[in-house]
């Protein structure tokens, strides 16, 4: 089998873990980025290597920091002969809601609570800058590096977005800071799809809906948890009336990183049980 390598930012937990499993099942070696949970990362590496027999390298660090991106691509050179097949930008967070403050930049952003929703003013620049670094700045840094290691006709790039970040859905006002940053990533994916088209490198976006992950458990901890009546009502409003699993999102990403999807590019694909129809 021809060797294949994928980078997955945030690849050891949640949706990223589902993506990593499906890519490994499809024959990919992996470089997995993670922020702070070394125990979870170590467990993920062990499971992937023992289950699928693939090589897995871990890179710790906040993707908002350029030094983390440098470490990720140094791993491509040091461990995989500088050959990359797929890049998946999954890493993300909602500081103080879906995650604790896990880096100096995240802590600074979390401590800035001066956002004025509904006033026409954004007075929350530290938080704004942080999300820009986590999403579009990181995406640009990574894509600009990744394409130097990809062969023409054998490269796949996928970004993970969220509902309400493009014109096809009502914007989620409570998600304004990470949401607008992901909206830029969706635009950038279309830009790169056009510019990389002649090299036959595909660039797409996957938009999950409600996915049962640790992040949702954290986010709902103070309001009854994921099994609360409020959450049950949210799930009931999804046409398919259930949560997605991380592996279901991972399966779609793995498909987009395969020859079967070689003629699909510039797409923002909801994988949400019909939630985008609301």
C-alpha atoms as a PDB file:
ATOM      1  CA  UNK A   1       0.000   0.000   0.000  1.00  0.00           C
ATOM      2  CA  UNK A   2       1.266   3.499  -0.887  1.00  0.00           C
ATOM      3  CA  UNK A   3       2.172   5.483   2.219  1.00  0.00           C
ATOM      4  CA  UNK A   4      -0.271   8.280   3.092  1.00  0.00           C
ATOM      5  CA  UNK A   5       0.127  10.948   5.761  1.00  0.00           C
ATOM      6  CA  UNK A   6      -2.498  13.255   7.266  1.00  0.00           C
ATOM      7  CA  UNK A   7      -2.133  16.110   9.726  1.00  0.00           C
ATOM      8  CA  UNK A   8      -5.141  16.565  12.017  1.00  0.00           C
ATOM      9  CA  UNK A   9      -5.114  19.583  14.309  1.00  0.00           C
ATOM     10  CA  UNK A  10      -7.002  18.819  17.499  1.00  0.00           C
ATOM     11  CA  UNK A  11      -6.865  15.189  16.465  1.00  0.00           C
ATOM     12  CA  UNK A  12      -6.887  13.370  19.807  1.00  0.00           C
ATOM     13  CA  UNK A  13     -10.331  14.198  21.236  1.00  0.00           C
ATOM     14  CA  UNK A  14     -13.889  14.880  20.124  1.00  0.00           C
ATOM     15  CA  UNK A  15     -14.549  15.278  16.410  1.00  0.00           C
ATOM     16  CA  UNK A  16     -10.801  15.199  15.778  1.00  0.00           C
ATOM     17  CA  UNK A  17     -10.581  11.758  17.366  1.00  0.00           C
ATOM     18  CA  UNK A  18     -13.347  10.516  15.091  1.00  0.00           C
ATOM     19  CA  UNK A  19     -11.494  11.929  12.077  1.00  0.00           C
ATOM     20  CA  UNK A  20      -8.205  10.345  13.167  1.00  0.00           C
ATOM     21  CA  UNK A  21      -9.797   6.915  13.560  1.00  0.00           C
ATOM     22  CA  UNK A  22     -11.415   6.975  10.131  1.00  0.00           C
ATOM     23  CA  UNK A  23      -8.257   8.200   8.410  1.00  0.00           C
ATOM     24  CA  UNK A  24      -6.159   5.511  10.119  1.00  0.00           C
ATOM     25  CA  UNK A  25      -8.724   2.917   9.042  1.00  0.00           C
ATOM     26  CA  UNK A  26      -8.257   4.196   5.479  1.00  0.00           C
ATOM     27  CA  UNK A  27      -4.509   3.627   5.669  1.00  0.00           C
ATOM     28  CA  UNK A  28      -3.211   7.008   6.781  1.00  0.00           C
ATOM     29  CA  UNK A  29      -0.245   7.601   9.046  1.00  0.00           C
ATOM     30  CA  UNK A  30      -0.971  10.585  11.266  1.00  0.00           C
ATOM     31  CA  UNK A  31       0.472  13.701  12.849  1.00  0.00           C
ATOM     32  CA  UNK A  32      -1.976  14.739  15.564  1.00  0.00           C
ATOM     33  CA  UNK A  33      -1.936  18.172  17.150  1.00  0.00           C
ATOM     34  CA  UNK A  34      -3.224  18.668  20.689  1.00  0.00           C
ATOM     35  CA  UNK A  35      -3.208  21.576  23.104  1.00  0.00           C
ATOM     36  CA  UNK A  36      -2.717  20.370  26.670  1.00  0.00           C
ATOM     37  CA  UNK A  37      -4.243  16.982  27.530  1.00  0.00           C
ATOM     38  CA  UNK A  38      -1.200  14.746  27.270  1.00  0.00           C
ATOM     39  CA  UNK A  39      -2.967  11.730  28.769  1.00  0.00           C
ATOM     40  CA  UNK A  40      -5.727  11.798  26.142  1.00  0.00           C
ATOM     41  CA  UNK A  41      -3.147  12.284  23.380  1.00  0.00           C
ATOM     42  CA  UNK A  42      -1.070   9.338  24.579  1.00  0.00           C
ATOM     43  CA  UNK A  43      -4.148   7.109  24.763  1.00  0.00           C
ATOM     44  CA  UNK A  44      -5.184   8.158  21.231  1.00  0.00           C
ATOM     45  CA  UNK A  45      -1.738   7.384  19.828  1.00  0.00           C
ATOM     46  CA  UNK A  46      -1.640   3.949  21.486  1.00  0.00           C
ATOM     47  CA  UNK A  47      -5.126   3.008  20.283  1.00  0.00           C
ATOM     48  CA  UNK A  48      -4.494   4.105  16.704  1.00  0.00           C
ATOM     49  CA  UNK A  49      -1.162   2.328  16.429  1.00  0.00           C
ATOM     50  CA  UNK A  50      -2.381  -0.892  18.037  1.00  0.00           C
ATOM     51  CA  UNK A  51      -5.707  -1.010  16.177  1.00  0.00           C
ATOM     52  CA  UNK A  52      -4.658   0.069  12.701  1.00  0.00           C
ATOM     53  CA  UNK A  53      -0.898  -0.505  12.667  1.00  0.00           C
ATOM     54  CA  UNK A  54      -0.190   3.031  11.503  1.00  0.00           C
ATOM     55  CA  UNK A  55       2.552   5.411  12.584  1.00  0.00           C
ATOM     56  CA  UNK A  56       1.288   8.265  14.782  1.00  0.00           C
ATOM     57  CA  UNK A  57       3.253  11.331  15.903  1.00  0.00           C
ATOM     58  CA  UNK A  58       1.982  13.825  18.470  1.00  0.00           C
ATOM     59  CA  UNK A  59       2.652  17.567  18.495  1.00  0.00           C
ATOM     60  CA  UNK A  60       1.679  19.588  21.547  1.00  0.00           C
ATOM     61  CA  UNK A  61       0.858  23.298  21.384  1.00  0.00           C
ATOM     62  CA  UNK A  62      -1.725  26.013  20.789  1.00  0.00           C
ATOM     63  CA  UNK A  63      -2.421  26.353  17.050  1.00  0.00           C
ATOM     64  CA  UNK A  64      -2.837  30.088  17.597  1.00  0.00           C
ATOM     65  CA  UNK A  65       0.937  30.229  17.967  1.00  0.00           C
ATOM     66  CA  UNK A  66       3.122  30.063  14.880  1.00  0.00           C
ATOM     67  CA  UNK A  67       5.722  27.992  16.741  1.00  0.00           C
ATOM     68  CA  UNK A  68       3.197  25.144  17.046  1.00  0.00           C
ATOM     69  CA  UNK A  69       2.674  25.109  13.280  1.00  0.00           C
ATOM     70  CA  UNK A  70       6.433  25.026  12.763  1.00  0.00           C
ATOM     71  CA  UNK A  71       6.663  21.938  15.003  1.00  0.00           C
ATOM     72  CA  UNK A  72       3.891  20.172  13.097  1.00  0.00           C
ATOM     73  CA  UNK A  73       5.605  20.564   9.730  1.00  0.00           C
ATOM     74  CA  UNK A  74       9.013  19.751  11.143  1.00  0.00           C
ATOM     75  CA  UNK A  75       7.462  16.401  12.064  1.00  0.00           C
ATOM     76  CA  UNK A  76       6.504  15.911   8.399  1.00  0.00           C
ATOM     77  CA  UNK A  77      10.156  16.323   7.447  1.00  0.00           C
ATOM     78  CA  UNK A  78      11.700  14.415  10.348  1.00  0.00           C
ATOM     79  CA  UNK A  79       9.339  11.435  10.436  1.00  0.00           C
ATOM     80  CA  UNK A  80       7.706  11.119   6.996  1.00  0.00           C
ATOM     81  CA  UNK A  81      10.351  12.137   4.436  1.00  0.00           C
ATOM     82  CA  UNK A  82       8.590  15.442   3.766  1.00  0.00           C
ATOM     83  CA  UNK A  83       5.605  13.827   2.036  1.00  0.00           C
ATOM     84  CA  UNK A  84       2.075  14.873   3.012  1.00  0.00           C
ATOM     85  CA  UNK A  85      -1.251  13.741   1.587  1.00  0.00           C
ATOM     86  CA  UNK A  86      -3.918  15.481   3.671  1.00  0.00           C
ATOM     87  CA  UNK A  87      -4.293  18.405   6.051  1.00  0.00           C
ATOM     88  CA  UNK A  88      -7.376  18.705   8.279  1.00  0.00           C
ATOM     89  CA  UNK A  89      -7.860  21.846  10.368  1.00  0.00           C
ATOM     90  CA  UNK A  90     -10.171  20.617  13.084  1.00  0.00           C
ATOM     91  CA  UNK A  91      -8.711  22.303  16.188  1.00  0.00           C
ATOM     92  CA  UNK A  92     -11.130  24.732  17.765  1.00  0.00           C
ATOM     93  CA  UNK A  93     -12.678  25.909  20.972  1.00  0.00           C
ATOM     94  CA  UNK A  94     -15.076  28.328  22.564  1.00  0.00           C
ATOM     95  CA  UNK A  95     -13.006  29.759  25.392  1.00  0.00           C
ATOM     96  CA  UNK A  96     -14.719  29.296  28.732  1.00  0.00           C
ATOM     97  CA  UNK A  97     -17.667  27.374  27.252  1.00  0.00           C
ATOM     98  CA  UNK A  98     -16.473  24.239  25.435  1.00  0.00           C
ATOM     99  CA  UNK A  99     -13.030  24.255  26.991  1.00  0.00           C
ATOM    100  CA  UNK A 100     -11.065  25.599  29.905  1.00  0.00           C
ATOM    101  CA  UNK A 101      -8.367  28.206  29.383  1.00  0.00           C
ATOM    102  CA  UNK A 102      -5.453  26.090  28.161  1.00  0.00           C
ATOM    103  CA  UNK A 103      -2.879  28.618  26.954  1.00  0.00           C
ATOM    104  CA  UNK A 104      -1.703  32.101  27.757  1.00  0.00           C
ATOM    105  CA  UNK A 105      -3.520  33.545  24.740  1.00  0.00           C
ATOM    106  CA  UNK A 106      -6.741  31.698  25.582  1.00  0.00           C
ATOM    107  CA  UNK A 107      -6.564  32.857  29.194  1.00  0.00           C
ATOM    108  CA  UNK A 108      -6.113  36.462  28.093  1.00  0.00           C
ATOM    109  CA  UNK A 109      -9.057  36.163  25.708  1.00  0.00           C
ATOM    110  CA  UNK A 110     -11.265  34.563  28.345  1.00  0.00           C
ATOM    111  CA  UNK A 111     -10.562  37.366  30.794  1.00  0.00           C
ATOM    112  CA  UNK A 112     -11.753  40.027  28.346  1.00  0.00           C
ATOM    113  CA  UNK A 113     -15.526  40.202  28.915  1.00  0.00           C
ATOM    114  CA  UNK A 114     -16.230  43.606  27.382  1.00  0.00           C
ATOM    115  CA  UNK A 115     -18.029  42.466  24.225  1.00  0.00           C
ATOM    116  CA  UNK A 116     -21.127  44.573  23.542  1.00  0.00           C
ATOM    117  CA  UNK A 117     -23.575  42.447  21.575  1.00  0.00           C
ATOM    118  CA  UNK A 118     -26.373  44.304  19.850  1.00  0.00           C
ATOM    119  CA  UNK A 119     -24.739  47.738  20.196  1.00  0.00           C
ATOM    120  CA  UNK A 120     -22.944  47.811  16.881  1.00  0.00           C
ATOM    121  CA  UNK A 121     -19.647  47.872  18.738  1.00  0.00           C
ATOM    122  CA  UNK A 122     -17.053  45.175  19.240  1.00  0.00           C
ATOM    123  CA  UNK A 123     -14.935  46.047  22.224  1.00  0.00           C
ATOM    124  CA  UNK A 124     -13.418  42.623  22.686  1.00  0.00           C
ATOM    125  CA  UNK A 125     -10.264  42.786  20.607  1.00  0.00           C
ATOM    126  CA  UNK A 126      -8.152  40.274  22.521  1.00  0.00           C
ATOM    127  CA  UNK A 127     -10.799  37.600  22.061  1.00  0.00           C
ATOM    128  CA  UNK A 128     -11.283  38.604  18.419  1.00  0.00           C
ATOM    129  CA  UNK A 129      -7.552  38.349  17.732  1.00  0.00           C
ATOM    130  CA  UNK A 130      -7.316  34.986  19.462  1.00  0.00           C
ATOM    131  CA  UNK A 131     -10.063  33.382  17.377  1.00  0.00           C
ATOM    132  CA  UNK A 132      -8.552  34.847  14.226  1.00  0.00           C
ATOM    133  CA  UNK A 133      -5.293  33.128  15.164  1.00  0.00           C
ATOM    134  CA  UNK A 134      -6.959  29.792  15.944  1.00  0.00           C
ATOM    135  CA  UNK A 135      -8.964  29.697  12.720  1.00  0.00           C
ATOM    136  CA  UNK A 136      -8.045  31.760   9.604  1.00  0.00           C
ATOM    137  CA  UNK A 137      -4.457  32.646  10.530  1.00  0.00           C
ATOM    138  CA  UNK A 138      -3.713  29.034  11.429  1.00  0.00           C
ATOM    139  CA  UNK A 139      -5.454  27.796   8.291  1.00  0.00           C
ATOM    140  CA  UNK A 140      -3.406  30.096   6.062  1.00  0.00           C
ATOM    141  CA  UNK A 141      -0.141  29.188   7.783  1.00  0.00           C
ATOM    142  CA  UNK A 142      -0.854  25.492   7.489  1.00  0.00           C
ATOM    143  CA  UNK A 143      -2.153  25.446   3.925  1.00  0.00           C
ATOM    144  CA  UNK A 144       0.736  27.560   2.662  1.00  0.00           C
ATOM    145  CA  UNK A 145       3.126  25.043   4.208  1.00  0.00           C
ATOM    146  CA  UNK A 146       1.144  21.886   3.430  1.00  0.00           C
ATOM    147  CA  UNK A 147       1.014  22.438  -0.324  1.00  0.00           C
ATOM    148  CA  UNK A 148       4.822  22.373  -0.457  1.00  0.00           C
ATOM    149  CA  UNK A 149       4.737  18.746   0.731  1.00  0.00           C
ATOM    150  CA  UNK A 150       1.818  17.574  -1.456  1.00  0.00           C
ATOM    151  CA  UNK A 151       2.087  16.000  -4.891  1.00  0.00           C
ATOM    152  CA  UNK A 152      -0.119  17.287  -7.689  1.00  0.00           C
ATOM    153  CA  UNK A 153      -3.234  15.147  -7.931  1.00  0.00           C
ATOM    154  CA  UNK A 154      -2.657  13.662  -4.491  1.00  0.00           C
ATOM    155  CA  UNK A 155      -3.494  16.338  -1.941  1.00  0.00           C
ATOM    156  CA  UNK A 156      -6.561  16.943   0.211  1.00  0.00           C
ATOM    157  CA  UNK A 157      -7.369  19.841   2.536  1.00  0.00           C
ATOM    158  CA  UNK A 158     -10.418  19.922   4.818  1.00  0.00           C
ATOM    159  CA  UNK A 159     -11.511  22.516   7.375  1.00  0.00           C
ATOM    160  CA  UNK A 160     -14.128  21.949  10.061  1.00  0.00           C
ATOM    161  CA  UNK A 161     -16.615  24.803  10.441  1.00  0.00           C
ATOM    162  CA  UNK A 162     -19.876  25.212  12.373  1.00  0.00           C
ATOM    163  CA  UNK A 163     -23.553  26.079  11.719  1.00  0.00           C
ATOM    164  CA  UNK A 164     -24.370  29.707  11.037  1.00  0.00           C
ATOM    165  CA  UNK A 165     -20.958  30.686   9.664  1.00  0.00           C
ATOM    166  CA  UNK A 166     -22.038  31.247   6.070  1.00  0.00           C
ATOM    167  CA  UNK A 167     -24.979  32.833   4.244  1.00  0.00           C
ATOM    168  CA  UNK A 168     -26.876  29.540   3.995  1.00  0.00           C
ATOM    169  CA  UNK A 169     -27.948  29.712   7.645  1.00  0.00           C
ATOM    170  CA  UNK A 170     -29.071  32.266  10.184  1.00  0.00           C
ATOM    171  CA  UNK A 171     -26.045  33.574  12.094  1.00  0.00           C
ATOM    172  CA  UNK A 172     -25.770  32.326  15.667  1.00  0.00           C
ATOM    173  CA  UNK A 173     -25.438  35.541  17.660  1.00  0.00           C
ATOM    174  CA  UNK A 174     -24.078  33.838  20.757  1.00  0.00           C
ATOM    175  CA  UNK A 175     -21.309  32.362  18.587  1.00  0.00           C
ATOM    176  CA  UNK A 176     -20.177  35.650  17.085  1.00  0.00           C
ATOM    177  CA  UNK A 177     -16.469  35.509  17.979  1.00  0.00           C
ATOM    178  CA  UNK A 178     -15.563  31.985  16.832  1.00  0.00           C
ATOM    179  CA  UNK A 179     -18.306  32.102  14.198  1.00  0.00           C
ATOM    180  CA  UNK A 180     -16.956  35.029  12.218  1.00  0.00           C
ATOM    181  CA  UNK A 181     -13.471  33.480  12.322  1.00  0.00           C
ATOM    182  CA  UNK A 182     -14.818  30.217  10.886  1.00  0.00           C
ATOM    183  CA  UNK A 183     -16.693  32.199   8.239  1.00  0.00           C
ATOM    184  CA  UNK A 184     -13.320  33.514   7.050  1.00  0.00           C
ATOM    185  CA  UNK A 185     -12.004  29.934   6.917  1.00  0.00           C
ATOM    186  CA  UNK A 186     -14.942  28.943   4.708  1.00  0.00           C
ATOM    187  CA  UNK A 187     -14.105  31.803   2.333  1.00  0.00           C
ATOM    188  CA  UNK A 188     -10.429  30.858   2.358  1.00  0.00           C
ATOM    189  CA  UNK A 189     -11.319  27.247   1.531  1.00  0.00           C
ATOM    190  CA  UNK A 190     -13.108  28.433  -1.610  1.00  0.00           C
ATOM    191  CA  UNK A 191     -10.169  30.685  -2.475  1.00  0.00           C
ATOM    192  CA  UNK A 192      -7.677  27.850  -2.114  1.00  0.00           C
ATOM    193  CA  UNK A 193      -9.967  25.464  -4.009  1.00  0.00           C
ATOM    194  CA  UNK A 194      -9.733  27.790  -7.027  1.00  0.00           C
ATOM    195  CA  UNK A 195      -6.030  28.515  -6.778  1.00  0.00           C
ATOM    196  CA  UNK A 196      -5.045  24.883  -6.149  1.00  0.00           C
ATOM    197  CA  UNK A 197      -7.435  23.457  -8.716  1.00  0.00           C
ATOM    198  CA  UNK A 198      -4.780  23.317 -11.465  1.00  0.00           C
ATOM    199  CA  UNK A 199      -2.659  21.170  -9.141  1.00  0.00           C
ATOM    200  CA  UNK A 200      -5.689  18.909  -8.521  1.00  0.00           C
ATOM    201  CA  UNK A 201      -5.432  19.470  -4.765  1.00  0.00           C
ATOM    202  CA  UNK A 202      -8.925  19.619  -3.286  1.00  0.00           C
ATOM    203  CA  UNK A 203     -10.063  21.995  -0.529  1.00  0.00           C
ATOM    204  CA  UNK A 204     -13.384  21.502   1.239  1.00  0.00           C
ATOM    205  CA  UNK A 205     -15.253  22.323   4.450  1.00  0.00           C
ATOM    206  CA  UNK A 206     -17.340  20.043   6.656  1.00  0.00           C
ATOM    207  CA  UNK A 207     -19.998  21.630   8.887  1.00  0.00           C
ATOM    208  CA  UNK A 208     -21.067  19.339  11.744  1.00  0.00           C
ATOM    209  CA  UNK A 209     -24.221  19.916  13.746  1.00  0.00           C
ATOM    210  CA  UNK A 210     -24.776  18.412  17.192  1.00  0.00           C
ATOM    211  CA  UNK A 211     -21.991  15.886  17.758  1.00  0.00           C
ATOM    212  CA  UNK A 212     -21.849  14.043  21.081  1.00  0.00           C
ATOM    213  CA  UNK A 213     -18.405  14.973  22.359  1.00  0.00           C
ATOM    214  CA  UNK A 214     -16.611  15.947  25.542  1.00  0.00           C
ATOM    215  CA  UNK A 215     -16.879  19.590  24.444  1.00  0.00           C
ATOM    216  CA  UNK A 216     -20.686  19.483  24.580  1.00  0.00           C
ATOM    217  CA  UNK A 217     -20.544  17.821  27.984  1.00  0.00           C
ATOM    218  CA  UNK A 218     -18.331  20.669  29.204  1.00  0.00           C
ATOM    219  CA  UNK A 219     -20.528  23.333  27.598  1.00  0.00           C
ATOM    220  CA  UNK A 220     -23.748  22.050  29.190  1.00  0.00           C
ATOM    221  CA  UNK A 221     -22.343  21.137  32.604  1.00  0.00           C
ATOM    222  CA  UNK A 222     -23.990  24.117  34.308  1.00  0.00           C
ATOM    223  CA  UNK A 223     -27.354  23.685  32.608  1.00  0.00           C
ATOM    224  CA  UNK A 224     -28.228  20.058  33.234  1.00  0.00           C
ATOM    225  CA  UNK A 225     -25.796  18.325  30.895  1.00  0.00           C
ATOM    226  CA  UNK A 226     -26.286  16.826  27.467  1.00  0.00           C
ATOM    227  CA  UNK A 227     -29.268  14.803  28.704  1.00  0.00           C
ATOM    228  CA  UNK A 228     -31.131  17.859  30.025  1.00  0.00           C
ATOM    229  CA  UNK A 229     -34.606  18.671  28.758  1.00  0.00           C
ATOM    230  CA  UNK A 230     -33.257  21.774  27.005  1.00  0.00           C
ATOM    231  CA  UNK A 231     -30.733  19.719  25.053  1.00  0.00           C
ATOM    232  CA  UNK A 232     -33.287  17.011  24.311  1.00  0.00           C
ATOM    233  CA  UNK A 233     -35.492  19.699  22.752  1.00  0.00           C
ATOM    234  CA  UNK A 234     -32.618  20.952  20.620  1.00  0.00           C
ATOM    235  CA  UNK A 235     -31.970  17.434  19.362  1.00  0.00           C
ATOM    236  CA  UNK A 236     -35.695  16.908  18.778  1.00  0.00           C
ATOM    237  CA  UNK A 237     -35.625  19.925  16.441  1.00  0.00           C
ATOM    238  CA  UNK A 238     -33.013  18.245  14.240  1.00  0.00           C
ATOM    239  CA  UNK A 239     -34.848  16.446  11.400  1.00  0.00           C
ATOM    240  CA  UNK A 240     -33.078  13.144  12.171  1.00  0.00           C
ATOM    241  CA  UNK A 241     -33.724  13.692  15.901  1.00  0.00           C
ATOM    242  CA  UNK A 242     -30.394  12.421  17.206  1.00  0.00           C
ATOM    243  CA  UNK A 243     -26.809  13.347  17.933  1.00  0.00           C
ATOM    244  CA  UNK A 244     -24.061  12.563  15.456  1.00  0.00           C
ATOM    245  CA  UNK A 245     -21.047  10.548  16.532  1.00  0.00           C
ATOM    246  CA  UNK A 246     -17.501  11.828  15.957  1.00  0.00           C
ATOM    247  CA  UNK A 247     -16.894   8.797  13.739  1.00  0.00           C
ATOM    248  CA  UNK A 248     -19.704   9.876  11.397  1.00  0.00           C
ATOM    249  CA  UNK A 249     -18.018  13.225  10.857  1.00  0.00           C
ATOM    250  CA  UNK A 250     -14.701  11.419  10.494  1.00  0.00           C
ATOM    251  CA  UNK A 251     -16.115   9.144   7.820  1.00  0.00           C
ATOM    252  CA  UNK A 252     -17.079  12.115   5.659  1.00  0.00           C
ATOM    253  CA  UNK A 253     -13.672  13.748   6.135  1.00  0.00           C
ATOM    254  CA  UNK A 254     -11.960  10.461   5.241  1.00  0.00           C
ATOM    255  CA  UNK A 255     -14.077  10.261   2.071  1.00  0.00           C
ATOM    256  CA  UNK A 256     -13.056  13.813   1.103  1.00  0.00           C
ATOM    257  CA  UNK A 257      -9.427  12.727   1.618  1.00  0.00           C
ATOM    258  CA  UNK A 258      -9.722   9.837  -0.830  1.00  0.00           C
ATOM    259  CA  UNK A 259      -9.491   9.380  -4.620  1.00  0.00           C
ATOM    260  CA  UNK A 260     -13.267   8.826  -4.681  1.00  0.00           C
ATOM    261  CA  UNK A 261     -13.653  12.550  -3.857  1.00  0.00           C
ATOM    262  CA  UNK A 262     -10.928  13.789  -6.192  1.00  0.00           C
ATOM    263  CA  UNK A 263     -13.397  15.877  -8.242  1.00  0.00           C
ATOM    264  CA  UNK A 264     -15.062  17.546  -5.240  1.00  0.00           C
ATOM    265  CA  UNK A 265     -13.574  20.905  -4.271  1.00  0.00           C
ATOM    266  CA  UNK A 266     -14.748  24.233  -2.864  1.00  0.00           C
ATOM    267  CA  UNK A 267     -17.708  22.647  -1.068  1.00  0.00           C
ATOM    268  CA  UNK A 268     -19.030  23.512   2.402  1.00  0.00           C
ATOM    269  CA  UNK A 269     -20.864  20.312   3.322  1.00  0.00           C
ATOM    270  CA  UNK A 270     -23.294  20.130   6.261  1.00  0.00           C
ATOM    271  CA  UNK A 271     -23.086  16.788   8.070  1.00  0.00           C
ATOM    272  CA  UNK A 272     -25.778  17.514  10.612  1.00  0.00           C
ATOM    273  CA  UNK A 273     -28.839  15.298  10.193  1.00  0.00           C
ATOM    274  CA  UNK A 274     -30.696  18.113   8.456  1.00  0.00           C
ATOM    275  CA  UNK A 275     -30.041  20.791  11.084  1.00  0.00           C
ATOM    276  CA  UNK A 276     -29.114  23.270   8.329  1.00  0.00           C
ATOM    277  CA  UNK A 277     -32.726  23.093   7.080  1.00  0.00           C
ATOM    278  CA  UNK A 278     -34.047  24.820  10.209  1.00  0.00           C
END
